[in-house]
Amino acid sequence: MKQYTFLQLFISIFLLFGGFHLSAQEIRLKVIDNPDNINIQRMESMGNVLDVHIDRFGFVWYATSYGLSCYDGYETKTYLSNRNIDNSLPDDKVHTILEDRSGTLWISTLRGFCSFNRSTETFTSYFPDTSALPSSNNNIFYVIEDSQGLLWVFTEFKTVAFNPETAEFIRFPEPETFGTPYYNLRTAPYLSENRFFEDEDSNIWVCISYITWSHKN
């Protein structure tokens, strides 16, 4: 019997339900077999699916520890990091995917985050800490958009805001607890829904380990 990776099975099930829309019609599974001819053994050891997103065009994007892949209904294309090529994915380990109100995709990786240009199929990378690119401050777990269009960037140890129109970061004083800076997101880095909230007055509330701080837009 042919063996399929978890990635293949996951995408098959996700496409089956079409974003969790159930139907009484006849259901058939379609398996995406070995996308882009990537070595199966390597996929099994490195290709954990960390996030899945269906964009406004119906394309399925999935973030893995071995690149960013897109399934258009016919085939899968995988984008990988290449330090020798400008505008490539900044790192192969992709944590999460965000599509903002304009339709731009923002990709969070182990080494910064980036926007994806659909026309040229290239990436523009941004780094909260330019002094040392491979650092915990550039390990981006997720990016969230608020009602004003600002992007909130959650790194391993920091939270900053980013203005996509000016490509500038907005930094905040580090909150203190017991007289010592305590700014750690490592306890549950992927629980973005539980750590970020915008109320009806546009106040931003961010939970960081044992403390909560707010920011007024």
Foldseek 3Di string as FASTA:
>chain_A
DDDDAPVQVVVQVCVQCLNVPDDPDDTDTDTQPCAPVDDPVCCNVWFDWQEWDQFPLRWIWTFGSQAIWIDPPPGIDGFADDPVDPQGFPHRHWHYWDQDPVRWIWIAAQFFIWTADPVVRGTDGDAPDPVDRNDQSRRWNDWDAFPVGWIWTDTQFAIWIAHPVVRDIHHDDFDDDPNHRQGGQNVCSNPVVVAWDADPQRKIWGDGVPDIDIDHD
